[in-house]
């Protein structure tokens, strides 16, 4: 069951917001709320994009990203990193680990939608 976007976010209000704005843009969404569930979700759902929070329970977003990039099956999966920290060090680590996009919380809805559109390319434009 392929979906457009898998969201990995543990904060309920942020997850609800992301789910709403991305569905409104026309994409199919699924979500997980801890780092341990992300890899299973990626394998099972085969998303076109992963929106990945850095601060997740059980396993950090950076650790998840490192594992995704190390696997032949998932290394090309586009990943948008979300972080509340917004420090340059987080962005540098995310880039070194292979993140495709980086958005800092609090974010503008248009920034998240724009980043997802870029990751999906022209064929990923919502209807």
N, C-alpha and C. Protein backbone atom coordinates (compact mmCIF):
# COMPACT_ATOMS: atom_id res chain seq x y z
N UNK A 1 0.84 -1.18 0.00
CA UNK A 1 0.00 0.00 0.00
C UNK A 1 0.89 1.24 0.00
N UNK A 2 1.20 1.75 -1.14
CA UNK A 2 2.05 2.95 -1.25
C UNK A 2 1.23 4.19 -0.90
N UNK A 3 1.90 5.11 -0.22
CA UNK A 3 1.29 6.39 0.12
C UNK A 3 2.24 7.50 -0.34
N UNK A 4 1.75 8.73 -0.33
CA UNK A 4 2.60 9.84 -0.72
C UNK A 4 3.60 10.19 0.38
N UNK A 5 3.10 10.38 1.62
CA UNK A 5 3.95 10.92 2.69
C UNK A 5 3.76 10.14 3.98
N UNK A 6 4.88 9.75 4.59
CA UNK A 6 4.86 9.20 5.94
C UNK A 6 5.42 10.28 6.85
N UNK A 7 4.65 10.63 7.89
CA UNK A 7 5.07 11.63 8.86
C UNK A 7 5.52 10.91 10.13
N UNK A 8 6.72 11.23 10.61
CA UNK A 8 7.21 10.70 11.88
C UNK A 8 7.32 11.88 12.84
N UNK A 9 6.34 12.00 13.72
CA UNK A 9 6.24 13.15 14.64
C UNK A 9 5.53 12.69 15.90
N UNK A 10 6.10 13.00 17.08
CA UNK A 10 5.51 12.54 18.34
C UNK A 10 4.64 13.57 19.05
N UNK A 11 4.70 14.81 18.64
CA UNK A 11 3.90 15.87 19.27
C UNK A 11 2.52 15.91 18.60
N UNK A 12 1.45 15.55 19.33
CA UNK A 12 0.12 15.43 18.70
C UNK A 12 -0.34 16.67 17.94
N UNK A 13 -0.14 17.86 18.49
CA UNK A 13 -0.63 19.07 17.80
C UNK A 13 0.14 19.32 16.50
N UNK A 14 1.42 19.04 16.50
CA UNK A 14 2.21 19.23 15.27
C UNK A 14 1.84 18.16 14.25
N UNK A 15 1.67 16.93 14.69
CA UNK A 15 1.27 15.85 13.79
C UNK A 15 -0.08 16.16 13.15
N UNK A 16 -1.03 16.64 13.95
CA UNK A 16 -2.34 16.99 13.43
C UNK A 16 -2.23 18.11 12.39
N UNK A 17 -1.42 19.11 12.68
CA UNK A 17 -1.22 20.22 11.76
C UNK A 17 -0.60 19.75 10.44
N UNK A 18 0.47 18.95 10.54
CA UNK A 18 1.12 18.45 9.33
C UNK A 18 0.17 17.59 8.50
N UNK A 19 -0.55 16.71 9.18
CA UNK A 19 -1.51 15.84 8.50
C UNK A 19 -2.53 16.69 7.74
N UNK A 20 -3.06 17.72 8.41
CA UNK A 20 -4.08 18.59 7.80
C UNK A 20 -3.54 19.32 6.58
N UNK A 21 -2.39 19.99 6.72
CA UNK A 21 -1.91 20.81 5.60
C UNK A 21 -1.48 19.95 4.41
N UNK A 22 -0.93 18.78 4.68
CA UNK A 22 -0.48 17.93 3.57
C UNK A 22 -1.65 17.21 2.89
N UNK A 23 -2.65 16.82 3.65
CA UNK A 23 -3.87 16.25 3.04
C UNK A 23 -4.59 17.32 2.22
N UNK A 24 -4.66 18.54 2.77
CA UNK A 24 -5.32 19.64 2.06
C UNK A 24 -4.62 19.91 0.72
N UNK A 25 -3.31 19.68 0.69
CA UNK A 25 -2.56 19.87 -0.56
C UNK A 25 -2.80 18.72 -1.54
N UNK A 26 -3.49 17.68 -1.10
CA UNK A 26 -3.90 16.62 -2.01
C UNK A 26 -3.13 15.31 -1.91
N UNK A 27 -2.30 15.15 -0.90
CA UNK A 27 -1.50 13.93 -0.78
C UNK A 27 -2.11 12.95 0.20
N UNK A 28 -1.77 11.66 0.01
CA UNK A 28 -2.17 10.64 0.98
C UNK A 28 -1.10 10.58 2.07
N UNK A 29 -1.57 10.43 3.31
CA UNK A 29 -0.70 10.56 4.48
C UNK A 29 -0.88 9.36 5.40
N UNK A 30 0.22 8.96 6.03
CA UNK A 30 0.18 8.04 7.16
C UNK A 30 1.17 8.60 8.17
N UNK A 31 1.09 8.12 9.42
CA UNK A 31 2.00 8.67 10.42
C UNK A 31 2.41 7.61 11.43
N UNK A 32 3.56 7.88 12.06
CA UNK A 32 4.07 7.10 13.18
C UNK A 32 4.53 8.11 14.23
N UNK A 33 4.60 7.66 15.49
CA UNK A 33 4.90 8.61 16.56
C UNK A 33 6.17 8.31 17.33
N UNK A 34 6.96 7.33 16.87
CA UNK A 34 8.25 7.11 17.51
C UNK A 34 9.25 6.58 16.49
N UNK A 35 10.52 6.77 16.83
CA UNK A 35 11.59 6.40 15.91
C UNK A 35 11.65 4.93 15.59
N UNK A 36 11.25 4.09 16.53
CA UNK A 36 11.30 2.65 16.29
C UNK A 36 10.29 2.22 15.22
N UNK A 37 9.20 2.95 15.07
CA UNK A 37 8.15 2.59 14.12
C UNK A 37 8.41 3.12 12.71
N UNK A 38 9.35 4.03 12.55
CA UNK A 38 9.57 4.66 11.24
C UNK A 38 10.01 3.64 10.19
N UNK A 39 11.01 2.84 10.50
CA UNK A 39 11.55 1.92 9.50
C UNK A 39 10.51 0.88 9.08
N UNK A 40 9.73 0.39 10.03
CA UNK A 40 8.64 -0.55 9.69
C UNK A 40 7.61 0.15 8.81
N UNK A 41 7.28 1.40 9.14
CA UNK A 41 6.33 2.16 8.33
C UNK A 41 6.84 2.40 6.91
N UNK A 42 8.11 2.71 6.78
CA UNK A 42 8.71 2.92 5.46
C UNK A 42 8.65 1.62 4.65
N UNK A 43 9.00 0.51 5.29
CA UNK A 43 9.00 -0.78 4.59
C UNK A 43 7.58 -1.17 4.17
N UNK A 44 6.64 -1.03 5.08
CA UNK A 44 5.27 -1.48 4.84
C UNK A 44 4.50 -0.56 3.89
N UNK A 45 4.66 0.76 4.06
CA UNK A 45 3.84 1.72 3.31
C UNK A 45 4.50 2.24 2.04
N UNK A 46 5.81 2.12 1.93
CA UNK A 46 6.56 2.59 0.77
C UNK A 46 6.19 4.03 0.38
N UNK A 47 6.38 4.97 1.31
CA UNK A 47 6.02 6.37 1.01
C UNK A 47 6.93 6.96 -0.07
N UNK A 48 6.43 7.98 -0.72
CA UNK A 48 7.22 8.70 -1.72
C UNK A 48 8.13 9.71 -1.04
N UNK A 49 7.74 10.17 0.17
CA UNK A 49 8.52 11.14 0.96
C UNK A 49 8.34 10.79 2.44
N UNK A 50 9.42 10.98 3.22
CA UNK A 50 9.36 10.84 4.67
C UNK A 50 9.58 12.20 5.29
N UNK A 51 8.62 12.63 6.13
CA UNK A 51 8.77 13.84 6.93
C UNK A 51 9.17 13.36 8.32
N UNK A 52 10.40 13.68 8.72
CA UNK A 52 11.02 13.06 9.89
C UNK A 52 11.43 14.09 10.94
N UNK A 53 10.83 13.98 12.12
CA UNK A 53 11.20 14.83 13.25
C UNK A 53 12.52 14.32 13.81
N UNK A 54 13.37 15.23 14.29
CA UNK A 54 14.64 14.83 14.89
C UNK A 54 14.44 14.25 16.28
N UNK A 55 13.62 14.91 17.10
CA UNK A 55 13.43 14.50 18.49
C UNK A 55 12.25 13.54 18.60
N UNK A 56 12.53 12.26 18.47
CA UNK A 56 11.51 11.22 18.58
C UNK A 56 11.83 10.30 19.74
N UNK A 57 10.80 9.74 20.40
CA UNK A 57 11.08 8.74 21.43
C UNK A 57 11.59 7.44 20.80
N UNK A 58 12.32 6.67 21.56
CA UNK A 58 12.84 5.34 21.22
C UNK A 58 14.02 5.36 20.27
N UNK A 59 14.03 6.27 19.30
CA UNK A 59 15.11 6.34 18.32
C UNK A 59 15.08 7.72 17.68
N UNK A 60 16.22 8.41 17.66
CA UNK A 60 16.23 9.77 17.11
C UNK A 60 16.03 9.77 15.60
N UNK A 61 15.55 10.90 15.11
CA UNK A 61 15.40 11.05 13.66
C UNK A 61 16.74 10.91 12.94
N UNK A 62 17.82 11.39 13.55
CA UNK A 62 19.14 11.25 12.93
C UNK A 62 19.53 9.78 12.81
N UNK A 63 19.26 8.99 13.84
CA UNK A 63 19.56 7.57 13.81
C UNK A 63 18.73 6.87 12.73
N UNK A 64 17.45 7.23 12.64
CA UNK A 64 16.57 6.67 11.62
C UNK A 64 17.09 7.03 10.23
N UNK A 65 17.47 8.28 10.03
CA UNK A 65 17.97 8.73 8.73
C UNK A 65 19.25 7.97 8.35
N UNK A 66 20.12 7.78 9.30
CA UNK A 66 21.36 7.04 9.04
C UNK A 66 21.04 5.62 8.57
N UNK A 67 20.08 4.96 9.21
CA UNK A 67 19.68 3.60 8.85
C UNK A 67 19.04 3.58 7.46
N UNK A 68 18.19 4.55 7.18
CA UNK A 68 17.53 4.64 5.87
C UNK A 68 18.56 4.78 4.76
N UNK A 69 19.54 5.64 4.96
CA UNK A 69 20.56 5.87 3.94
C UNK A 69 21.52 4.68 3.78
N UNK A 70 21.62 3.83 4.81
CA UNK A 70 22.51 2.67 4.75
C UNK A 70 21.88 1.48 4.04
N UNK A 71 20.58 1.50 3.82
CA UNK A 71 19.88 0.38 3.21
C UNK A 71 19.66 0.61 1.72
N UNK A 72 19.97 -0.40 0.92
CA UNK A 72 19.78 -0.30 -0.53
C UNK A 72 18.32 -0.05 -0.89
N UNK A 73 17.40 -0.59 -0.09
CA UNK A 73 15.97 -0.46 -0.37
C UNK A 73 15.43 0.94 -0.13
N UNK A 74 16.08 1.70 0.77
CA UNK A 74 15.51 2.99 1.16
C UNK A 74 16.46 4.17 0.97
N UNK A 75 17.65 3.93 0.50
CA UNK A 75 18.64 5.02 0.47
C UNK A 75 18.26 6.19 -0.43
N UNK A 76 17.37 5.97 -1.40
CA UNK A 76 16.96 7.06 -2.30
C UNK A 76 15.66 7.73 -1.86
N UNK A 77 15.07 7.28 -0.74
CA UNK A 77 13.83 7.88 -0.25
C UNK A 77 14.05 9.35 0.10
N UNK A 78 13.29 10.27 -0.49
CA UNK A 78 13.43 11.68 -0.12
C UNK A 78 13.00 11.91 1.33
N UNK A 79 13.84 12.61 2.09
CA UNK A 79 13.57 12.85 3.51
C UNK A 79 13.61 14.35 3.81
N UNK A 80 12.52 14.82 4.44
CA UNK A 80 12.43 16.18 4.94
C UNK A 80 12.59 16.11 6.46
N UNK A 81 13.64 16.74 6.98
CA UNK A 81 13.88 16.75 8.42
C UNK A 81 13.18 17.96 9.05
N UNK A 82 12.45 17.71 10.14
CA UNK A 82 11.83 18.77 10.93
C UNK A 82 12.51 18.80 12.29
N UNK A 83 12.86 19.97 12.75
CA UNK A 83 13.43 20.07 14.09
C UNK A 83 13.01 21.36 14.77
N UNK A 84 12.82 21.27 16.06
CA UNK A 84 12.50 22.46 16.85
C UNK A 84 13.76 23.22 17.22
N UNK A 85 14.86 22.53 17.19
CA UNK A 85 16.11 23.15 17.63
C UNK A 85 16.52 24.28 16.70
N UNK A 86 16.55 24.01 15.42
CA UNK A 86 16.89 25.04 14.46
C UNK A 86 18.33 25.50 14.53
N UNK A 87 19.18 24.74 15.18
CA UNK A 87 20.58 25.13 15.27
C UNK A 87 21.31 24.73 14.00
N UNK A 88 22.34 25.49 13.68
CA UNK A 88 23.14 25.18 12.50
C UNK A 88 23.71 23.77 12.58
N UNK A 89 24.08 23.34 13.79
CA UNK A 89 24.66 22.00 13.94
C UNK A 89 23.66 20.92 13.51
N UNK A 90 22.38 21.08 13.85
CA UNK A 90 21.37 20.10 13.44
C UNK A 90 21.25 20.05 11.93
N UNK A 91 21.26 21.22 11.31
CA UNK A 91 21.15 21.25 9.85
C UNK A 91 22.36 20.59 9.22
N UNK A 92 23.54 20.85 9.76
CA UNK A 92 24.77 20.25 9.22
C UNK A 92 24.73 18.73 9.37
N UNK A 93 24.32 18.25 10.54
CA UNK A 93 24.23 16.80 10.76
C UNK A 93 23.22 16.19 9.80
N UNK A 94 22.06 16.82 9.65
CA UNK A 94 21.02 16.32 8.74
C UNK A 94 21.55 16.23 7.32
N UNK A 95 22.25 17.25 6.87
CA UNK A 95 22.82 17.25 5.52
C UNK A 95 23.88 16.16 5.37
N UNK A 96 24.75 16.01 6.39
CA UNK A 96 25.79 14.98 6.33
C UNK A 96 25.19 13.57 6.28
N UNK A 97 24.06 13.38 6.94
CA UNK A 97 23.41 12.07 6.95
C UNK A 97 22.55 11.82 5.71
N UNK A 98 22.38 12.85 4.88
CA UNK A 98 21.68 12.66 3.62
C UNK A 98 20.26 13.18 3.56
N UNK A 99 19.88 14.10 4.45
CA UNK A 99 18.55 14.71 4.36
C UNK A 99 18.46 15.52 3.07
N UNK A 100 17.28 15.50 2.46
CA UNK A 100 17.08 16.24 1.22
C UNK A 100 16.61 17.66 1.46
N UNK A 101 15.82 17.85 2.52
CA UNK A 101 15.29 19.17 2.88
C UNK A 101 15.31 19.28 4.39
N UNK A 102 15.23 20.52 4.89
CA UNK A 102 15.31 20.79 6.32
C UNK A 102 14.38 21.96 6.63
N UNK A 103 13.43 21.76 7.55
CA UNK A 103 12.51 22.83 7.95
C UNK A 103 12.54 22.93 9.48
N UNK A 104 12.65 24.15 9.98
CA UNK A 104 12.72 24.39 11.42
C UNK A 104 11.35 24.73 11.98
N UNK A 105 11.01 24.12 13.12
CA UNK A 105 9.78 24.46 13.84
C UNK A 105 10.05 25.68 14.72
N UNK A 106 9.13 26.61 14.88
CA UNK A 106 7.84 26.61 14.19
C UNK A 106 8.03 26.94 12.71
N UNK A 107 7.19 26.34 11.90
CA UNK A 107 7.33 26.48 10.44
C UNK A 107 6.08 27.14 9.87
N UNK A 108 6.25 27.73 8.71
CA UNK A 108 5.10 28.21 7.95
C UNK A 108 4.58 27.03 7.13
N UNK A 109 3.25 26.89 7.07
CA UNK A 109 2.67 25.78 6.31
C UNK A 109 3.20 25.74 4.88
N UNK A 110 3.35 26.91 4.27
CA UNK A 110 3.83 26.97 2.89
C UNK A 110 5.25 26.42 2.76
N UNK A 111 6.07 26.58 3.81
CA UNK A 111 7.43 26.04 3.76
C UNK A 111 7.42 24.52 3.70
N UNK A 112 6.56 23.89 4.50
CA UNK A 112 6.48 22.43 4.51
C UNK A 112 5.91 21.93 3.18
N UNK A 113 4.83 22.52 2.72
CA UNK A 113 4.22 22.09 1.46
C UNK A 113 5.21 22.29 0.31
N UNK A 114 5.90 23.43 0.31
CA UNK A 114 6.89 23.69 -0.75
C UNK A 114 8.02 22.68 -0.73
N UNK A 115 8.51 22.33 0.46
CA UNK A 115 9.59 21.35 0.56
C UNK A 115 9.13 19.99 0.05
N UNK A 116 7.93 19.58 0.41
CA UNK A 116 7.40 18.29 -0.07
C UNK A 116 7.23 18.33 -1.58
N UNK A 117 6.72 19.42 -2.12
CA UNK A 117 6.57 19.53 -3.58
C UNK A 117 7.92 19.39 -4.28
N UNK A 118 8.95 20.03 -3.73
CA UNK A 118 10.29 19.92 -4.33
C UNK A 118 10.78 18.47 -4.28
N UNK A 119 10.53 17.80 -3.18
CA UNK A 119 10.98 16.41 -3.05
C UNK A 119 10.24 15.48 -4.00
N UNK A 120 8.98 15.76 -4.25
CA UNK A 120 8.20 14.91 -5.15
C UNK A 120 8.44 15.27 -6.62
N UNK A 121 8.99 16.45 -6.88
CA UNK A 121 9.22 16.87 -8.26
C UNK A 121 7.92 17.25 -8.94
N UNK A 122 7.99 17.54 -10.21
CA UNK A 122 6.81 17.98 -10.96
C UNK A 122 5.70 16.95 -10.94
N UNK A 123 6.06 15.65 -10.93
CA UNK A 123 5.04 14.61 -10.96
C UNK A 123 4.32 14.49 -9.61
N UNK A 124 4.89 15.09 -8.57
CA UNK A 124 4.29 14.98 -7.26
C UNK A 124 3.35 16.10 -6.91
N UNK A 125 3.11 16.99 -7.83
CA UNK A 125 2.20 18.09 -7.53
C UNK A 125 0.82 17.58 -7.21
N UNK A 126 0.30 18.09 -6.14
CA UNK A 126 -1.05 17.68 -5.74
C UNK A 126 -2.04 18.16 -6.79
N UNK A 127 -3.10 17.43 -6.97
CA UNK A 127 -4.11 17.81 -7.98
C UNK A 127 -4.74 19.15 -7.68
